[in-house]
């Protein structure tokens, strides 16, 4: 979380709104990320690829998440995260 600004925003695809869920502020983002992993005790991110466009101040991480839920169900998900930086940070 040290790389996130105090006014960071995390948008996740699942949630009650049509866009999913949106968490604003470092404290709320930290809670959302922590809650996301509570039911996945052996979560692992692999097959990662990272891209940076310095002109657009944008970064992208592609990954495959594997885990076993607390109920014993195997999960494998491919996904990506988009990051926007500002002021050269």
PDB file of N, CA and C in Angstrom:
ATOM      1  N   UNK A   1       0.822  -1.199   0.000  1.00  0.00           N
ATOM      2  CA  UNK A   1       0.000   0.000   0.000  1.00  0.00           C
ATOM      3  C   UNK A   1       0.865   1.262   0.000  1.00  0.00           C
ATOM      4  N   UNK A   2       2.158   1.117   0.245  1.00  0.00           N
ATOM      5  CA  UNK A   2       3.005   2.307   0.293  1.00  0.00           C
ATOM      6  C   UNK A   2       3.094   3.015  -1.052  1.00  0.00           C
ATOM      7  N   UNK A   3       2.781   2.329  -2.137  1.00  0.00           N
ATOM      8  CA  UNK A   3       2.847   2.946  -3.465  1.00  0.00           C
ATOM      9  C   UNK A   3       1.543   3.639  -3.864  1.00  0.00           C
ATOM     10  N   UNK A   4       0.519   3.501  -3.053  1.00  0.00           N
ATOM     11  CA  UNK A   4      -0.770   4.100  -3.369  1.00  0.00           C
ATOM     12  C   UNK A   4      -0.901   5.468  -2.701  1.00  0.00           C
ATOM     13  N   UNK A   5      -1.553   6.392  -3.385  1.00  0.00           N
ATOM     14  CA  UNK A   5      -1.794   7.713  -2.802  1.00  0.00           C
ATOM     15  C   UNK A   5      -2.938   7.629  -1.796  1.00  0.00           C
ATOM     16  N   UNK A   6      -3.036   8.627  -0.951  1.00  0.00           N
ATOM     17  CA  UNK A   6      -4.101   8.637   0.058  1.00  0.00           C
ATOM     18  C   UNK A   6      -5.490   8.672  -0.571  1.00  0.00           C
ATOM     19  N   UNK A   7      -5.603   9.221  -1.785  1.00  0.00           N
ATOM     20  CA  UNK A   7      -6.913   9.314  -2.447  1.00  0.00           C
ATOM     21  C   UNK A   7      -7.073   8.270  -3.566  1.00  0.00           C
ATOM     22  N   UNK A   8      -6.361   7.142  -3.441  1.00  0.00           N
ATOM     23  CA  UNK A   8      -6.441   6.097  -4.471  1.00  0.00           C
ATOM     24  C   UNK A   8      -7.859   5.543  -4.590  1.00  0.00           C
ATOM     25  N   UNK A   9      -8.122   4.911  -5.724  1.00  0.00           N
ATOM     26  CA  UNK A   9      -9.427   4.301  -6.002  1.00  0.00           C
ATOM     27  C   UNK A   9      -9.196   2.891  -6.512  1.00  0.00           C
ATOM     28  N   UNK A  10      -9.960   1.940  -5.981  1.00  0.00           N
ATOM     29  CA  UNK A  10      -9.935   0.556  -6.444  1.00  0.00           C
ATOM     30  C   UNK A  10     -11.321   0.220  -6.965  1.00  0.00           C
ATOM     31  N   UNK A  11     -11.376  -0.229  -8.209  1.00  0.00           N
ATOM     32  CA  UNK A  11     -12.645  -0.655  -8.795  1.00  0.00           C
ATOM     33  C   UNK A  11     -12.559  -2.150  -9.049  1.00  0.00           C
ATOM     34  N   UNK A  12     -13.558  -2.876  -8.548  1.00  0.00           N
ATOM     35  CA  UNK A  12     -13.585  -4.329  -8.702  1.00  0.00           C
ATOM     36  C   UNK A  12     -14.834  -4.715  -9.489  1.00  0.00           C
ATOM     37  N   UNK A  13     -14.766  -5.773 -10.299  1.00  0.00           N
ATOM     38  CA  UNK A  13     -15.875  -6.109 -11.191  1.00  0.00           C
ATOM     39  C   UNK A  13     -17.130  -6.631 -10.493  1.00  0.00           C
ATOM     40  N   UNK A  14     -17.004  -7.146  -9.304  1.00  0.00           N
ATOM     41  CA  UNK A  14     -18.184  -7.653  -8.591  1.00  0.00           C
ATOM     42  C   UNK A  14     -18.664  -6.629  -7.587  1.00  0.00           C
ATOM     43  N   UNK A  15     -19.974  -6.516  -7.475  1.00  0.00           N
ATOM     44  CA  UNK A  15     -20.527  -5.584  -6.506  1.00  0.00           C
ATOM     45  C   UNK A  15     -21.978  -5.286  -6.798  1.00  0.00           C
ATOM     46  N   UNK A  16     -22.539  -4.404  -6.023  1.00  0.00           N
ATOM     47  CA  UNK A  16     -23.962  -4.105  -6.127  1.00  0.00           C
ATOM     48  C   UNK A  16     -24.287  -3.094  -7.221  1.00  0.00           C
ATOM     49  N   UNK A  17     -23.299  -2.344  -7.672  1.00  0.00           N
ATOM     50  CA  UNK A  17     -23.533  -1.354  -8.730  1.00  0.00           C
ATOM     51  C   UNK A  17     -23.266  -1.994 -10.093  1.00  0.00           C
ATOM     52  N   UNK A  18     -23.746  -1.370 -11.161  1.00  0.00           N
ATOM     53  CA  UNK A  18     -23.584  -1.956 -12.490  1.00  0.00           C
ATOM     54  C   UNK A  18     -22.120  -2.074 -12.888  1.00  0.00           C
ATOM     55  N   UNK A  19     -21.241  -1.239 -12.325  1.00  0.00           N
ATOM     56  CA  UNK A  19     -19.809  -1.313 -12.623  1.00  0.00           C
ATOM     57  C   UNK A  19     -19.080  -2.227 -11.636  1.00  0.00           C
ATOM     58  N   UNK A  20     -19.744  -2.696 -10.613  1.00  0.00           N
ATOM     59  CA  UNK A  20     -19.139  -3.539  -9.586  1.00  0.00           C
ATOM     60  C   UNK A  20     -19.061  -2.804  -8.268  1.00  0.00           C
ATOM     61  N   UNK A  21     -17.872  -2.713  -7.709  1.00  0.00           N
ATOM     62  CA  UNK A  21     -17.648  -2.007  -6.445  1.00  0.00           C
ATOM     63  C   UNK A  21     -16.531  -0.997  -6.625  1.00  0.00           C
ATOM     64  N   UNK A  22     -16.642   0.123  -5.953  1.00  0.00           N
ATOM     65  CA  UNK A  22     -15.609   1.159  -6.002  1.00  0.00           C
ATOM     66  C   UNK A  22     -15.241   1.526  -4.569  1.00  0.00           C
ATOM     67  N   UNK A  23     -13.945   1.492  -4.275  1.00  0.00           N
ATOM     68  CA  UNK A  23     -13.443   1.827  -2.950  1.00  0.00           C
ATOM     69  C   UNK A  23     -12.519   3.020  -3.084  1.00  0.00           C
ATOM     70  N   UNK A  24     -12.768   4.049  -2.290  1.00  0.00           N
ATOM     71  CA  UNK A  24     -11.990   5.290  -2.371  1.00  0.00           C
ATOM     72  C   UNK A  24     -11.221   5.512  -1.087  1.00  0.00           C
ATOM     73  N   UNK A  25      -9.963   5.909  -1.241  1.00  0.00           N
ATOM     74  CA  UNK A  25      -9.114   6.190  -0.089  1.00  0.00           C
ATOM     75  C   UNK A  25      -8.306   4.974   0.327  1.00  0.00           C
ATOM     76  N   UNK A  26      -7.104   5.222   0.765  1.00  0.00           N
ATOM     77  CA  UNK A  26      -6.159   4.158   1.102  1.00  0.00           C
ATOM     78  C   UNK A  26      -6.712   3.170   2.125  1.00  0.00           C
ATOM     79  N   UNK A  27      -7.362   3.669   3.149  1.00  0.00           N
ATOM     80  CA  UNK A  27      -7.905   2.798   4.189  1.00  0.00           C
ATOM     81  C   UNK A  27      -8.975   1.865   3.633  1.00  0.00           C
ATOM     82  N   UNK A  28      -9.894   2.403   2.828  1.00  0.00           N
ATOM     83  CA  UNK A  28     -10.960   1.582   2.240  1.00  0.00           C
ATOM     84  C   UNK A  28     -10.412   0.582   1.220  1.00  0.00           C
ATOM     85  N   UNK A  29      -9.407   0.996   0.458  1.00  0.00           N
ATOM     86  CA  UNK A  29      -8.785   0.086  -0.511  1.00  0.00           C
ATOM     87  C   UNK A  29      -8.100  -1.062   0.226  1.00  0.00           C
ATOM     88  N   UNK A  30      -7.385  -0.746   1.293  1.00  0.00           N
ATOM     89  CA  UNK A  30      -6.720  -1.786   2.085  1.00  0.00           C
ATOM     90  C   UNK A  30      -7.737  -2.798   2.621  1.00  0.00           C
ATOM     91  N   UNK A  31      -8.850  -2.322   3.146  1.00  0.00           N
ATOM     92  CA  UNK A  31      -9.889  -3.218   3.675  1.00  0.00           C
ATOM     93  C   UNK A  31     -10.473  -4.096   2.577  1.00  0.00           C
ATOM     94  N   UNK A  32     -10.710  -3.519   1.405  1.00  0.00           N
ATOM     95  CA  UNK A  32     -11.290  -4.280   0.290  1.00  0.00           C
ATOM     96  C   UNK A  32     -10.343  -5.378  -0.179  1.00  0.00           C
ATOM     97  N   UNK A  33      -9.070  -5.051  -0.289  1.00  0.00           N
ATOM     98  CA  UNK A  33      -8.093  -6.053  -0.719  1.00  0.00           C
ATOM     99  C   UNK A  33      -7.967  -7.156   0.331  1.00  0.00           C
ATOM    100  N   UNK A  34      -7.918  -6.787   1.588  1.00  0.00           N
ATOM    101  CA  UNK A  34      -7.837  -7.786   2.664  1.00  0.00           C
ATOM    102  C   UNK A  34      -9.041  -8.712   2.656  1.00  0.00           C
ATOM    103  N   UNK A  35     -10.228  -8.148   2.494  1.00  0.00           N
ATOM    104  CA  UNK A  35     -11.452  -8.955   2.478  1.00  0.00           C
ATOM    105  C   UNK A  35     -11.463  -9.900   1.287  1.00  0.00           C
ATOM    106  N   UNK A  36     -10.910  -9.457   0.176  1.00  0.00           N
ATOM    107  CA  UNK A  36     -10.879 -10.278  -1.036  1.00  0.00           C
ATOM    108  C   UNK A  36     -10.133 -11.589  -0.818  1.00  0.00           C
ATOM    109  N   UNK A  37      -9.111 -11.572   0.037  1.00  0.00           N
ATOM    110  CA  UNK A  37      -8.287 -12.754   0.240  1.00  0.00           C
ATOM    111  C   UNK A  37      -8.658 -13.586   1.465  1.00  0.00           C
ATOM    112  N   UNK A  38      -9.616 -13.149   2.251  1.00  0.00           N
ATOM    113  CA  UNK A  38      -9.986 -13.886   3.465  1.00  0.00           C
ATOM    114  C   UNK A  38     -10.427 -15.314   3.172  1.00  0.00           C
ATOM    115  N   UNK A  39     -11.170 -15.522   2.112  1.00  0.00           N
ATOM    116  CA  UNK A  39     -11.670 -16.859   1.794  1.00  0.00           C
ATOM    117  C   UNK A  39     -10.758 -17.655   0.883  1.00  0.00           C
ATOM    118  N   UNK A  40      -9.538 -17.140   0.612  1.00  0.00           N
ATOM    119  CA  UNK A  40      -8.591 -17.809  -0.278  1.00  0.00           C
ATOM    120  C   UNK A  40      -7.241 -17.951   0.434  1.00  0.00           C
ATOM    121  N   UNK A  41      -7.149 -18.885   1.370  1.00  0.00           N
ATOM    122  CA  UNK A  41      -5.948 -18.960   2.203  1.00  0.00           C
ATOM    123  C   UNK A  41      -4.651 -19.255   1.445  1.00  0.00           C
ATOM    124  N   UNK A  42      -4.724 -19.897   0.281  1.00  0.00           N
ATOM    125  CA  UNK A  42      -3.499 -20.230  -0.454  1.00  0.00           C
ATOM    126  C   UNK A  42      -3.410 -19.482  -1.787  1.00  0.00           C
ATOM    127  N   UNK A  43      -3.965 -18.291  -1.851  1.00  0.00           N
ATOM    128  CA  UNK A  43      -4.006 -17.518  -3.088  1.00  0.00           C
ATOM    129  C   UNK A  43      -2.601 -17.319  -3.656  1.00  0.00           C
ATOM    130  N   UNK A  44      -2.513 -17.424  -4.979  1.00  0.00           N
ATOM    131  CA  UNK A  44      -1.236 -17.237  -5.664  1.00  0.00           C
ATOM    132  C   UNK A  44      -1.489 -16.540  -6.995  1.00  0.00           C
ATOM    133  N   UNK A  45      -0.664 -15.532  -7.286  1.00  0.00           N
ATOM    134  CA  UNK A  45      -0.690 -14.872  -8.589  1.00  0.00           C
ATOM    135  C   UNK A  45       0.505 -15.367  -9.385  1.00  0.00           C
ATOM    136  N   UNK A  46       0.256 -15.870 -10.584  1.00  0.00           N
ATOM    137  CA  UNK A  46       1.332 -16.364 -11.440  1.00  0.00           C
ATOM    138  C   UNK A  46       1.117 -15.923 -12.873  1.00  0.00           C
ATOM    139  N   UNK A  47       1.998 -16.383 -13.755  1.00  0.00           N
ATOM    140  CA  UNK A  47       1.940 -16.050 -15.185  1.00  0.00           C
ATOM    141  C   UNK A  47       1.773 -14.547 -15.394  1.00  0.00           C
ATOM    142  N   UNK A  48       2.501 -13.784 -14.618  1.00  0.00           N
ATOM    143  CA  UNK A  48       2.332 -12.327 -14.660  1.00  0.00           C
ATOM    144  C   UNK A  48       3.114 -11.694 -15.806  1.00  0.00           C
ATOM    145  N   UNK A  49       2.542 -10.657 -16.368  1.00  0.00           N
ATOM    146  CA  UNK A  49       3.199  -9.814 -17.362  1.00  0.00           C
ATOM    147  C   UNK A  49       2.830  -8.373 -17.031  1.00  0.00           C
ATOM    148  N   UNK A  50       3.791  -7.478 -17.107  1.00  0.00           N
ATOM    149  CA  UNK A  50       3.577  -6.095 -16.712  1.00  0.00           C
ATOM    150  C   UNK A  50       3.981  -5.159 -17.847  1.00  0.00           C
ATOM    151  N   UNK A  51       3.198  -4.122 -18.036  1.00  0.00           N
ATOM    152  CA  UNK A  51       3.435  -3.157 -19.110  1.00  0.00           C
ATOM    153  C   UNK A  51       3.301  -1.749 -18.548  1.00  0.00           C
ATOM    154  N   UNK A  52       4.128  -0.844 -19.066  1.00  0.00           N
ATOM    155  CA  UNK A  52       4.073   0.550 -18.643  1.00  0.00           C
ATOM    156  C   UNK A  52       4.058   1.449 -19.875  1.00  0.00           C
ATOM    157  N   UNK A  53       3.153   2.407 -19.875  1.00  0.00           N
ATOM    158  CA  UNK A  53       3.118   3.457 -20.893  1.00  0.00           C
ATOM    159  C   UNK A  53       3.385   4.764 -20.162  1.00  0.00           C
ATOM    160  N   UNK A  54       4.639   5.194 -20.165  1.00  0.00           N
ATOM    161  CA  UNK A  54       5.032   6.392 -19.415  1.00  0.00           C
ATOM    162  C   UNK A  54       4.371   7.646 -19.953  1.00  0.00           C
ATOM    163  N   UNK A  55       4.079   7.678 -21.247  1.00  0.00           N
ATOM    164  CA  UNK A  55       3.433   8.856 -21.835  1.00  0.00           C
ATOM    165  C   UNK A  55       2.016   9.012 -21.290  1.00  0.00           C
ATOM    166  N   UNK A  56       1.314   7.903 -21.166  1.00  0.00           N
ATOM    167  CA  UNK A  56      -0.068   7.934 -20.668  1.00  0.00           C
ATOM    168  C   UNK A  56      -0.148   7.769 -19.155  1.00  0.00           C
ATOM    169  N   UNK A  57       1.011   7.640 -18.475  1.00  0.00           N
ATOM    170  CA  UNK A  57       1.031   7.423 -17.014  1.00  0.00           C
ATOM    171  C   UNK A  57       0.177   6.231 -16.606  1.00  0.00           C
ATOM    172  N   UNK A  58       0.282   5.144 -17.394  1.00  0.00           N
ATOM    173  CA  UNK A  58      -0.555   3.971 -17.164  1.00  0.00           C
ATOM    174  C   UNK A  58       0.304   2.713 -17.071  1.00  0.00           C
ATOM    175  N   UNK A  59      -0.062   1.835 -16.156  1.00  0.00           N
ATOM    176  CA  UNK A  59       0.567   0.526 -16.041  1.00  0.00           C
ATOM    177  C   UNK A  59      -0.499  -0.548 -16.072  1.00  0.00           C
ATOM    178  N   UNK A  60      -0.140  -1.698 -16.608  1.00  0.00           N
ATOM    179  CA  UNK A  60      -1.073  -2.830 -16.683  1.00  0.00           C
ATOM    180  C   UNK A  60      -0.338  -4.076 -16.202  1.00  0.00           C
ATOM    181  N   UNK A  61      -0.997  -4.864 -15.369  1.00  0.00           N
ATOM    182  CA  UNK A  61      -0.495  -6.167 -14.935  1.00  0.00           C
ATOM    183  C   UNK A  61      -1.508  -7.229 -15.331  1.00  0.00           C
ATOM    184  N   UNK A  62      -1.050  -8.210 -16.095  1.00  0.00           N
ATOM    185  CA  UNK A  62      -1.880  -9.375 -16.436  1.00  0.00           C
ATOM    186  C   UNK A  62      -1.432 -10.513 -15.532  1.00  0.00           C
ATOM    187  N   UNK A  63      -2.366 -11.341 -15.088  1.00  0.00           N
ATOM    188  CA  UNK A  63      -2.028 -12.386 -14.140  1.00  0.00           C
ATOM    189  C   UNK A  63      -3.025 -13.536 -14.197  1.00  0.00           C
ATOM    190  N   UNK A  64      -2.640 -14.640 -13.588  1.00  0.00           N
ATOM    191  CA  UNK A  64      -3.541 -15.766 -13.347  1.00  0.00           C
ATOM    192  C   UNK A  64      -3.557 -16.019 -11.847  1.00  0.00           C
ATOM    193  N   UNK A  65      -4.728 -15.947 -11.262  1.00  0.00           N
ATOM    194  CA  UNK A  65      -4.908 -16.214  -9.837  1.00  0.00           C
ATOM    195  C   UNK A  65      -5.333 -17.665  -9.681  1.00  0.00           C
ATOM    196  N   UNK A  66      -4.646 -18.404  -8.816  1.00  0.00           N
ATOM    197  CA  UNK A  66      -5.070 -19.749  -8.441  1.00  0.00           C
ATOM    198  C   UNK A  66      -5.214 -19.780  -6.928  1.00  0.00           C
ATOM    199  N   UNK A  67      -6.195 -20.535  -6.477  1.00  0.00           N
ATOM    200  CA  UNK A  67      -6.439 -20.616  -5.033  1.00  0.00           C
ATOM    201  C   UNK A  67      -7.394 -21.758  -4.749  1.00  0.00           C
ATOM    202  N   UNK A  68      -7.517 -22.059  -3.480  1.00  0.00           N
ATOM    203  CA  UNK A  68      -8.520 -22.986  -2.980  1.00  0.00           C
ATOM    204  C   UNK A  68      -9.347 -22.210  -1.964  1.00  0.00           C
ATOM    205  N   UNK A  69     -10.665 -22.227  -2.124  1.00  0.00           N
ATOM    206  CA  UNK A  69     -11.524 -21.512  -1.188  1.00  0.00           C
ATOM    207  C   UNK A  69     -11.521 -22.208   0.169  1.00  0.00           C
ATOM    208  N   UNK A  70     -12.025 -21.534   1.183  1.00  0.00           N
ATOM    209  CA  UNK A  70     -12.132 -22.138   2.516  1.00  0.00           C
ATOM    210  C   UNK A  70     -12.991 -23.394   2.492  1.00  0.00           C
ATOM    211  N   UNK A  71     -13.893 -23.484   1.498  1.00  0.00           N
ATOM    212  CA  UNK A  71     -14.762 -24.653   1.369  1.00  0.00           C
ATOM    213  C   UNK A  71     -14.104 -25.779   0.568  1.00  0.00           C
ATOM    214  N   UNK A  72     -12.885 -25.548   0.055  1.00  0.00           N
ATOM    215  CA  UNK A  72     -12.169 -26.588  -0.673  1.00  0.00           C
ATOM    216  C   UNK A  72     -12.340 -26.558  -2.189  1.00  0.00           C
ATOM    217  N   UNK A  73     -12.985 -25.533  -2.734  1.00  0.00           N
ATOM    218  CA  UNK A  73     -13.195 -25.434  -4.181  1.00  0.00           C
ATOM    219  C   UNK A  73     -11.983 -24.768  -4.832  1.00  0.00           C
ATOM    220  N   UNK A  74     -11.482 -25.366  -5.924  1.00  0.00           N
ATOM    221  CA  UNK A  74     -10.356 -24.791  -6.664  1.00  0.00           C
ATOM    222  C   UNK A  74     -10.831 -23.633  -7.533  1.00  0.00           C
ATOM    223  N   UNK A  75     -10.011 -22.594  -7.606  1.00  0.00           N
ATOM    224  CA  UNK A  75     -10.329 -21.407  -8.389  1.00  0.00           C
ATOM    225  C   UNK A  75      -9.136 -21.088  -9.279  1.00  0.00           C
ATOM    226  N   UNK A  76      -9.423 -20.765 -10.539  1.00  0.00           N
ATOM    227  CA  UNK A  76      -8.391 -20.251 -11.437  1.00  0.00           C
ATOM    228  C   UNK A  76      -9.017 -19.149 -12.267  1.00  0.00           C
ATOM    229  N   UNK A  77      -8.438 -17.958 -12.203  1.00  0.00           N
ATOM    230  CA  UNK A  77      -9.001 -16.783 -12.873  1.00  0.00           C
ATOM    231  C   UNK A  77      -7.879 -16.027 -13.564  1.00  0.00           C
ATOM    232  N   UNK A  78      -8.109 -15.670 -14.813  1.00  0.00           N
ATOM    233  CA  UNK A  78      -7.182 -14.774 -15.499  1.00  0.00           C
ATOM    234  C   UNK A  78      -7.735 -13.365 -15.385  1.00  0.00           C
ATOM    235  N   UNK A  79      -6.865 -12.409 -15.128  1.00  0.00           N
ATOM    236  CA  UNK A  79      -7.338 -11.039 -14.980  1.00  0.00           C
ATOM    237  C   UNK A  79      -6.241 -10.037 -15.225  1.00  0.00           C
ATOM    238  N   UNK A  80      -6.582  -8.785 -15.005  1.00  0.00           N
ATOM    239  CA  UNK A  80      -5.599  -7.714 -15.179  1.00  0.00           C
ATOM    240  C   UNK A  80      -5.951  -6.561 -14.256  1.00  0.00           C
ATOM    241  N   UNK A  81      -4.951  -5.785 -13.952  1.00  0.00           N
ATOM    242  CA  UNK A  81      -5.113  -4.571 -13.166  1.00  0.00           C
ATOM    243  C   UNK A  81      -4.556  -3.418 -13.978  1.00  0.00           C
ATOM    244  N   UNK A  82      -5.227  -2.288 -13.904  1.00  0.00           N
ATOM    245  CA  UNK A  82      -4.778  -1.066 -14.568  1.00  0.00           C
ATOM    246  C   UNK A  82      -4.400  -0.061 -13.497  1.00  0.00           C
ATOM    247  N   UNK A  83      -3.270   0.587 -13.682  1.00  0.00           N
ATOM    248  CA  UNK A  83      -2.792   1.577 -12.719  1.00  0.00           C
ATOM    249  C   UNK A  83      -2.583   2.908 -13.438  1.00  0.00           C
ATOM    250  N   UNK A  84      -2.955   3.961 -12.770  1.00  0.00           N
ATOM    251  CA  UNK A  84      -2.700   5.306 -13.290  1.00  0.00           C
ATOM    252  C   UNK A  84      -1.818   6.027 -12.289  1.00  0.00           C
ATOM    253  N   UNK A  85      -0.746   6.605 -12.788  1.00  0.00           N
ATOM    254  CA  UNK A  85       0.113   7.372 -11.893  1.00  0.00           C
ATOM    255  C   UNK A  85      -0.031   8.842 -12.238  1.00  0.00           C
ATOM    256  N   UNK A  86       0.394   9.676 -11.334  1.00  0.00           N
ATOM    257  CA  UNK A  86       0.330  11.110 -11.614  1.00  0.00           C
ATOM    258  C   UNK A  86       1.586  11.756 -11.051  1.00  0.00           C
ATOM    259  N   UNK A  87       1.928  12.856 -11.628  1.00  0.00           N
ATOM    260  CA  UNK A  87       3.087  13.641 -11.181  1.00  0.00           C
ATOM    261  C   UNK A  87       4.362  12.810 -11.167  1.00  0.00           C
ATOM    262  N   UNK A  88       4.482  11.882 -12.145  1.00  0.00           N
ATOM    263  CA  UNK A  88       5.704  11.114 -12.285  1.00  0.00           C
ATOM    264  C   UNK A  88       5.951  10.074 -11.213  1.00  0.00           C
ATOM    265  N   UNK A  89       4.964   9.777 -10.380  1.00  0.00           N
ATOM    266  CA  UNK A  89       5.196   8.803  -9.299  1.00  0.00           C
ATOM    267  C   UNK A  89       4.785   7.410  -9.694  1.00  0.00           C
TER     268      UNK A  89
END
